[in-house]
Amino acid sequence: MTRDWPAVQLRIKEHPDFLQYFYECPEDVTWTECDMNDVNETRIPFDVLDTNEAETVFKNHVNALQQEEKRLERASLKRREAIEEMEKESEEANTTKTTVETIKKLKAKKRKLKQQALQTEIDLEKKRLKQM
């Protein structure tokens, strides 16, 4: 976006809807002298845009837009960071869940191996007793 007020004025003047919102006073008449007695006229004299106040309003508007853009960028960044944090926490939770499930499986396998070892000892003891 340009901050050059004369360039903005030119773009306004070249806009297809220019005549819908503005009218031009004759060359030798200032906008303050221009006939504004027509109560049906709702358009603005284009020369009003030559005032310092008009340029100030434009620059204030540009500044407000830039501040809003920065605010939105900060909010977007915060949302992205929050999403990344949630994804990280979710990943950690999934890892923890997987770890818990793995531990449960290992404990079950350990119990089964202990039972098999105990059964083997029982079988060996029975075999030894038969041989006596």
N, C-alpha and C. Protein backbone atom coordinates (compact mmCIF):
# COMPACT_ATOMS: atom_id res chain seq x y z
N MET A 1 0.85 -1.18 0.00
CA MET A 1 0.00 0.00 0.00
C MET A 1 0.89 1.23 0.00
N THR A 2 0.59 2.14 -0.88
CA THR A 2 1.38 3.36 -0.97
C THR A 2 0.95 4.35 0.11
N ARG A 3 1.93 5.08 0.62
CA ARG A 3 1.66 6.14 1.59
C ARG A 3 1.76 7.50 0.92
N ASP A 4 1.96 7.51 -0.38
CA ASP A 4 2.12 8.74 -1.15
C ASP A 4 0.73 9.31 -1.46
N TRP A 5 0.35 10.36 -0.75
CA TRP A 5 -0.98 10.92 -0.86
C TRP A 5 -1.33 11.38 -2.28
N PRO A 6 -0.43 12.09 -2.99
CA PRO A 6 -0.77 12.49 -4.37
C PRO A 6 -1.04 11.27 -5.27
N ALA A 7 -0.30 10.19 -5.08
CA ALA A 7 -0.54 8.98 -5.89
C ALA A 7 -1.91 8.39 -5.56
N VAL A 8 -2.28 8.44 -4.30
CA VAL A 8 -3.60 7.93 -3.89
C VAL A 8 -4.70 8.80 -4.49
N GLN A 9 -4.51 10.11 -4.46
CA GLN A 9 -5.50 11.01 -5.06
C GLN A 9 -5.69 10.69 -6.55
N LEU A 10 -4.59 10.44 -7.23
CA LEU A 10 -4.66 10.12 -8.66
C LEU A 10 -5.43 8.81 -8.88
N ARG A 11 -5.17 7.83 -8.04
CA ARG A 11 -5.89 6.55 -8.17
C ARG A 11 -7.38 6.74 -7.93
N ILE A 12 -7.72 7.58 -6.96
CA ILE A 12 -9.14 7.87 -6.70
C ILE A 12 -9.76 8.51 -7.93
N LYS A 13 -9.06 9.47 -8.50
CA LYS A 13 -9.58 10.20 -9.66
C LYS A 13 -9.76 9.27 -10.86
N GLU A 14 -8.90 8.27 -10.99
CA GLU A 14 -8.96 7.34 -12.12
C GLU A 14 -9.92 6.16 -11.88
N HIS A 15 -10.43 6.07 -10.68
CA HIS A 15 -11.32 4.94 -10.35
C HIS A 15 -12.63 5.05 -11.13
N PRO A 16 -13.17 3.91 -11.60
CA PRO A 16 -14.42 3.93 -12.38
C PRO A 16 -15.61 4.55 -11.63
N ASP A 17 -15.61 4.47 -10.30
CA ASP A 17 -16.72 5.00 -9.51
C ASP A 17 -16.47 6.43 -9.02
N PHE A 18 -15.44 7.07 -9.54
CA PHE A 18 -15.07 8.41 -9.09
C PHE A 18 -16.27 9.37 -9.11
N LEU A 19 -16.97 9.43 -10.22
CA LEU A 19 -18.07 10.40 -10.36
C LEU A 19 -19.26 10.08 -9.47
N GLN A 20 -19.31 8.87 -8.95
CA GLN A 20 -20.40 8.51 -8.04
C GLN A 20 -20.20 9.17 -6.68
N TYR A 21 -18.95 9.42 -6.30
CA TYR A 21 -18.65 9.93 -4.97
C TYR A 21 -18.06 11.35 -4.95
N PHE A 22 -17.51 11.78 -6.07
CA PHE A 22 -16.84 13.09 -6.12
C PHE A 22 -17.32 13.90 -7.32
N TYR A 23 -17.17 15.21 -7.19
CA TYR A 23 -17.35 16.08 -8.37
C TYR A 23 -16.21 17.09 -8.35
N GLU A 24 -15.91 17.61 -9.52
CA GLU A 24 -14.81 18.57 -9.63
C GLU A 24 -15.38 19.97 -9.82
N CYS A 25 -14.84 20.88 -9.07
CA CYS A 25 -15.23 22.29 -9.22
C CYS A 25 -14.52 22.85 -10.45
N PRO A 26 -15.07 23.90 -11.02
CA PRO A 26 -14.38 24.54 -12.15
C PRO A 26 -12.97 24.96 -11.73
N GLU A 27 -12.05 25.02 -12.68
CA GLU A 27 -10.63 25.29 -12.42
C GLU A 27 -10.39 26.56 -11.60
N ASP A 28 -11.16 27.60 -11.85
CA ASP A 28 -10.90 28.89 -11.20
C ASP A 28 -11.67 29.05 -9.88
N VAL A 29 -12.33 27.97 -9.43
CA VAL A 29 -13.14 28.05 -8.21
C VAL A 29 -12.62 27.01 -7.20
N THR A 30 -12.40 27.46 -5.95
CA THR A 30 -11.97 26.51 -4.92
C THR A 30 -13.18 25.76 -4.39
N TRP A 31 -12.93 24.66 -3.73
CA TRP A 31 -14.06 23.86 -3.24
C TRP A 31 -14.88 24.62 -2.20
N THR A 32 -14.24 25.55 -1.47
CA THR A 32 -14.99 26.33 -0.48
C THR A 32 -15.91 27.35 -1.16
N GLU A 33 -15.57 27.74 -2.39
CA GLU A 33 -16.40 28.69 -3.13
C GLU A 33 -17.39 27.99 -4.06
N CYS A 34 -17.18 26.72 -4.25
CA CYS A 34 -18.02 25.96 -5.19
C CYS A 34 -19.47 25.95 -4.69
N ASP A 35 -20.39 25.95 -5.61
CA ASP A 35 -21.81 25.97 -5.28
C ASP A 35 -22.21 24.63 -4.65
N MET A 36 -22.49 24.69 -3.36
CA MET A 36 -22.94 23.48 -2.67
C MET A 36 -24.35 23.67 -2.16
N ASN A 37 -25.11 24.48 -2.84
CA ASN A 37 -26.48 24.75 -2.44
C ASN A 37 -27.45 23.67 -2.91
N ASP A 38 -27.02 22.83 -3.82
CA ASP A 38 -27.89 21.77 -4.33
C ASP A 38 -28.05 20.72 -3.24
N VAL A 39 -29.23 20.69 -2.62
CA VAL A 39 -29.47 19.77 -1.51
C VAL A 39 -29.49 18.32 -1.96
N ASN A 40 -29.68 18.08 -3.23
CA ASN A 40 -29.69 16.70 -3.74
C ASN A 40 -28.28 16.18 -4.02
N GLU A 41 -27.30 17.07 -3.99
CA GLU A 41 -25.92 16.66 -4.27
C GLU A 41 -25.32 16.00 -3.04
N THR A 42 -24.98 14.73 -3.16
CA THR A 42 -24.39 13.99 -2.04
C THR A 42 -22.90 13.74 -2.24
N ARG A 43 -22.39 14.11 -3.41
CA ARG A 43 -20.98 13.88 -3.69
C ARG A 43 -20.10 14.93 -3.01
N ILE A 44 -18.84 14.63 -2.93
CA ILE A 44 -17.85 15.48 -2.26
C ILE A 44 -17.02 16.20 -3.32
N PRO A 45 -16.72 17.49 -3.10
CA PRO A 45 -15.81 18.16 -4.05
C PRO A 45 -14.43 17.50 -3.97
N PHE A 46 -13.90 17.11 -5.12
CA PHE A 46 -12.61 16.41 -5.15
C PHE A 46 -11.49 17.24 -4.53
N ASP A 47 -11.58 18.55 -4.65
CA ASP A 47 -10.54 19.44 -4.11
C ASP A 47 -10.40 19.32 -2.59
N VAL A 48 -11.41 18.79 -1.93
CA VAL A 48 -11.32 18.59 -0.48
C VAL A 48 -10.12 17.71 -0.16
N LEU A 49 -9.80 16.81 -1.09
CA LEU A 49 -8.68 15.89 -0.85
C LEU A 49 -7.33 16.59 -0.92
N ASP A 50 -7.31 17.85 -1.33
CA ASP A 50 -6.06 18.61 -1.35
C ASP A 50 -5.73 19.22 0.02
N THR A 51 -6.61 19.07 0.97
CA THR A 51 -6.37 19.67 2.29
C THR A 51 -5.43 18.80 3.12
N ASN A 52 -4.76 19.46 4.07
CA ASN A 52 -3.88 18.73 4.99
C ASN A 52 -4.67 17.74 5.84
N GLU A 53 -5.89 18.14 6.19
CA GLU A 53 -6.73 17.27 7.00
C GLU A 53 -7.04 15.96 6.28
N ALA A 54 -7.32 16.05 4.99
CA ALA A 54 -7.61 14.83 4.21
C ALA A 54 -6.39 13.92 4.18
N GLU A 55 -5.22 14.50 3.98
CA GLU A 55 -3.99 13.69 3.97
C GLU A 55 -3.75 13.06 5.34
N THR A 56 -4.00 13.83 6.39
CA THR A 56 -3.82 13.31 7.75
C THR A 56 -4.77 12.15 8.02
N VAL A 57 -6.02 12.31 7.61
CA VAL A 57 -7.00 11.23 7.78
C VAL A 57 -6.53 9.98 7.04
N PHE A 58 -6.04 10.16 5.82
CA PHE A 58 -5.54 9.03 5.03
C PHE A 58 -4.38 8.34 5.76
N LYS A 59 -3.41 9.13 6.21
CA LYS A 59 -2.24 8.54 6.87
C LYS A 59 -2.62 7.85 8.17
N ASN A 60 -3.55 8.43 8.91
CA ASN A 60 -4.03 7.78 10.14
C ASN A 60 -4.72 6.46 9.82
N HIS A 61 -5.47 6.46 8.73
CA HIS A 61 -6.15 5.23 8.30
C HIS A 61 -5.13 4.15 7.92
N VAL A 62 -4.10 4.54 7.18
CA VAL A 62 -3.04 3.60 6.80
C VAL A 62 -2.37 3.04 8.05
N ASN A 63 -2.06 3.93 9.01
CA ASN A 63 -1.43 3.47 10.26
C ASN A 63 -2.33 2.50 11.00
N ALA A 64 -3.62 2.81 11.06
CA ALA A 64 -4.56 1.91 11.75
C ALA A 64 -4.61 0.55 11.05
N LEU A 65 -4.61 0.55 9.73
CA LEU A 65 -4.62 -0.72 8.98
C LEU A 65 -3.34 -1.52 9.25
N GLN A 66 -2.21 -0.82 9.30
CA GLN A 66 -0.95 -1.51 9.56
C GLN A 66 -0.92 -2.09 10.97
N GLN A 67 -1.44 -1.33 11.93
CA GLN A 67 -1.49 -1.83 13.31
C GLN A 67 -2.40 -3.05 13.40
N GLU A 68 -3.53 -2.99 12.72
CA GLU A 68 -4.46 -4.13 12.72
C GLU A 68 -3.81 -5.35 12.07
N GLU A 69 -3.07 -5.12 10.99
CA GLU A 69 -2.38 -6.22 10.31
C GLU A 69 -1.35 -6.86 11.25
N LYS A 70 -0.60 -6.03 11.97
CA LYS A 70 0.38 -6.55 12.93
C LYS A 70 -0.31 -7.33 14.05
N ARG A 71 -1.45 -6.80 14.53
CA ARG A 71 -2.19 -7.48 15.59
C ARG A 71 -2.66 -8.84 15.10
N LEU A 72 -3.19 -8.88 13.87
CA LEU A 72 -3.66 -10.15 13.31
C LEU A 72 -2.51 -11.13 13.11
N GLU A 73 -1.35 -10.62 12.69
CA GLU A 73 -0.18 -11.49 12.52
C GLU A 73 0.25 -12.08 13.86
N ARG A 74 0.24 -11.23 14.92
CA ARG A 74 0.60 -11.73 16.26
C ARG A 74 -0.40 -12.78 16.73
N ALA A 75 -1.69 -12.51 16.50
CA ALA A 75 -2.72 -13.47 16.91
C ALA A 75 -2.57 -14.78 16.14
N SER A 76 -2.27 -14.67 14.86
CA SER A 76 -2.08 -15.87 14.04
C SER A 76 -0.87 -16.66 14.52
N LEU A 77 0.19 -15.97 14.86
CA LEU A 77 1.39 -16.63 15.37
C LEU A 77 1.08 -17.34 16.68
N LYS A 78 0.34 -16.67 17.57
CA LYS A 78 -0.03 -17.29 18.85
C LYS A 78 -0.88 -18.54 18.62
N ARG A 79 -1.82 -18.47 17.65
CA ARG A 79 -2.64 -19.64 17.34
C ARG A 79 -1.78 -20.79 16.82
N ARG A 80 -0.85 -20.46 15.92
CA ARG A 80 0.04 -21.50 15.38
C ARG A 80 0.87 -22.13 16.50
N GLU A 81 1.38 -21.29 17.40
CA GLU A 81 2.18 -21.81 18.52
C GLU A 81 1.32 -22.69 19.42
N ALA A 82 0.08 -22.28 19.67
CA ALA A 82 -0.82 -23.07 20.51
C ALA A 82 -1.12 -24.42 19.84
N ILE A 83 -1.35 -24.39 18.54
CA ILE A 83 -1.62 -25.63 17.80
C ILE A 83 -0.40 -26.55 17.86
N GLU A 84 0.79 -25.99 17.65
CA GLU A 84 2.01 -26.79 17.72
C GLU A 84 2.19 -27.39 19.11
N GLU A 85 1.89 -26.61 20.15
CA GLU A 85 2.00 -27.10 21.53
C GLU A 85 1.00 -28.23 21.77
N MET A 86 -0.23 -28.05 21.28
CA MET A 86 -1.24 -29.10 21.43
C MET A 86 -0.81 -30.37 20.69
N GLU A 87 -0.27 -30.21 19.48
CA GLU A 87 0.20 -31.37 18.72
C GLU A 87 1.33 -32.08 19.46
N LYS A 88 2.23 -31.29 20.05
CA LYS A 88 3.34 -31.86 20.81
C LYS A 88 2.80 -32.63 22.02
N GLU A 89 1.86 -32.02 22.74
CA GLU A 89 1.28 -32.68 23.91
C GLU A 89 0.54 -33.94 23.50
N SER A 90 -0.16 -33.88 22.38
CA SER A 90 -0.88 -35.05 21.88
C SER A 90 0.11 -36.16 21.53
N GLU A 91 1.20 -35.78 20.88
CA GLU A 91 2.23 -36.75 20.52
C GLU A 91 2.83 -37.38 21.77
N GLU A 92 3.10 -36.53 22.78
CA GLU A 92 3.64 -37.04 24.04
C GLU A 92 2.65 -37.97 24.72
N ALA A 93 1.36 -37.60 24.68
CA ALA A 93 0.33 -38.45 25.27
C ALA A 93 0.26 -39.79 24.54
N ASN A 94 0.35 -39.74 23.22
CA ASN A 94 0.34 -40.99 22.44
C ASN A 94 1.56 -41.84 22.77
N THR A 95 2.71 -41.17 22.91
CA THR A 95 3.93 -41.89 23.27
C THR A 95 3.78 -42.51 24.65
N THR A 96 3.23 -41.76 25.59
CA THR A 96 3.00 -42.27 26.94
C THR A 96 2.03 -43.44 26.90
N LYS A 97 0.96 -43.29 26.14
CA LYS A 97 -0.03 -44.36 26.02
C LYS A 97 0.61 -45.60 25.43
N THR A 98 1.42 -45.41 24.40
CA THR A 98 2.12 -46.54 23.77
C THR A 98 3.07 -47.17 24.77
N THR A 99 3.77 -46.35 25.54
CA THR A 99 4.70 -46.87 26.54
C THR A 99 3.95 -47.67 27.60
N VAL A 100 2.84 -47.16 28.08
CA VAL A 100 2.03 -47.87 29.07
C VAL A 100 1.54 -49.19 28.50
N GLU A 101 1.06 -49.17 27.27
CA GLU A 101 0.60 -50.40 26.63
C GLU A 101 1.74 -51.40 26.48
N THR A 102 2.91 -50.91 26.10
CA THR A 102 4.08 -51.78 25.95
C THR A 102 4.47 -52.39 27.29
N ILE A 103 4.44 -51.59 28.34
CA ILE A 103 4.77 -52.09 29.69
C ILE A 103 3.77 -53.17 30.09
N LYS A 104 2.49 -52.94 29.84
CA LYS A 104 1.47 -53.94 30.18
C LYS A 104 1.72 -55.24 29.43
N LYS A 105 2.05 -55.13 28.14
CA LYS A 105 2.33 -56.33 27.34
C LYS A 105 3.56 -57.07 27.87
N LEU A 106 4.60 -56.30 28.22
CA LEU A 106 5.81 -56.92 28.75
C LEU A 106 5.55 -57.61 30.08
N LYS A 107 4.74 -56.99 30.93
CA LYS A 107 4.39 -57.61 32.21
C LYS A 107 3.60 -58.89 31.99
N ALA A 108 2.67 -58.85 31.04
CA ALA A 108 1.88 -60.06 30.73
C ALA A 108 2.80 -61.16 30.20
N LYS A 109 3.73 -60.78 29.35
CA LYS A 109 4.68 -61.75 28.80
C LYS A 109 5.56 -62.33 29.91
N LYS A 110 5.96 -61.46 30.85
CA LYS A 110 6.79 -61.90 31.98
C LYS A 110 6.02 -62.90 32.84
N ARG A 111 4.73 -62.59 33.10
CA ARG A 111 3.90 -63.52 33.89
C ARG A 111 3.79 -64.87 33.19
N LYS A 112 3.58 -64.82 31.87
CA LYS A 112 3.45 -66.05 31.10
C LYS A 112 4.75 -66.85 31.15
N LEU A 113 5.88 -66.16 31.00
CA LEU A 113 7.17 -66.84 31.07
C LEU A 113 7.41 -67.45 32.46
N LYS A 114 7.01 -66.72 33.52
CA LYS A 114 7.14 -67.25 34.88
C LYS A 114 6.29 -68.50 35.04
N GLN A 115 5.05 -68.44 34.50
CA GLN A 115 4.16 -69.61 34.58
C GLN A 115 4.77 -70.79 33.82
N GLN A 116 5.33 -70.51 32.64
CA GLN A 116 5.94 -71.58 31.85
C GLN A 116 7.16 -72.15 32.59
N ALA A 117 7.95 -71.27 33.20
CA ALA A 117 9.12 -71.73 33.95
C ALA A 117 8.69 -72.57 35.14
N LEU A 118 7.65 -72.13 35.83
CA LEU A 118 7.13 -72.87 36.98
C LEU A 118 6.60 -74.23 36.52
N GLN A 119 5.87 -74.23 35.41
CA GLN A 119 5.34 -75.48 34.88
C GLN A 119 6.47 -76.43 34.49
N THR A 120 7.53 -75.87 33.91
CA THR A 120 8.69 -76.69 33.54
C THR A 120 9.32 -77.29 34.78
N GLU A 121 9.45 -76.51 35.84
CA GLU A 121 10.01 -77.02 37.10
C GLU A 121 9.14 -78.14 37.66
N ILE A 122 7.82 -77.91 37.60
CA ILE A 122 6.88 -78.95 38.10
C ILE A 122 7.05 -80.22 37.28
N ASP A 123 7.10 -80.08 35.97
CA ASP A 123 7.25 -81.24 35.09
C ASP A 123 8.57 -81.96 35.37
N LEU A 124 9.64 -81.21 35.57
CA LEU A 124 10.93 -81.81 35.88
C LEU A 124 10.90 -82.53 37.23
N GLU A 125 10.24 -81.92 38.18
CA GLU A 125 10.13 -82.54 39.51
C GLU A 125 9.32 -83.83 39.43
N LYS A 126 8.23 -83.82 38.65
CA LYS A 126 7.42 -85.04 38.47
C LYS A 126 8.26 -86.13 37.82
N LYS A 127 9.02 -85.76 36.81
CA LYS A 127 9.86 -86.71 36.09
C LYS A 127 10.91 -87.29 37.03
N ARG A 128 11.50 -86.45 37.86
CA ARG A 128 12.51 -86.89 38.80
C ARG A 128 11.91 -87.85 39.83
N LEU A 129 10.68 -87.51 40.28
CA LEU A 129 10.02 -88.37 41.26
C LEU A 129 9.67 -89.73 40.65
N LYS A 130 9.29 -89.78 39.38
CA LYS A 130 8.97 -91.03 38.71
C LYS A 130 10.21 -91.92 38.60
N GLN A 131 11.32 -91.28 38.44
CA GLN A 131 12.56 -92.04 38.26
C GLN A 131 13.06 -92.60 39.58
N MET A 132 12.56 -92.23 40.62
CA MET A 132 13.02 -92.71 41.91
C MET A 132 12.41 -93.98 42.28
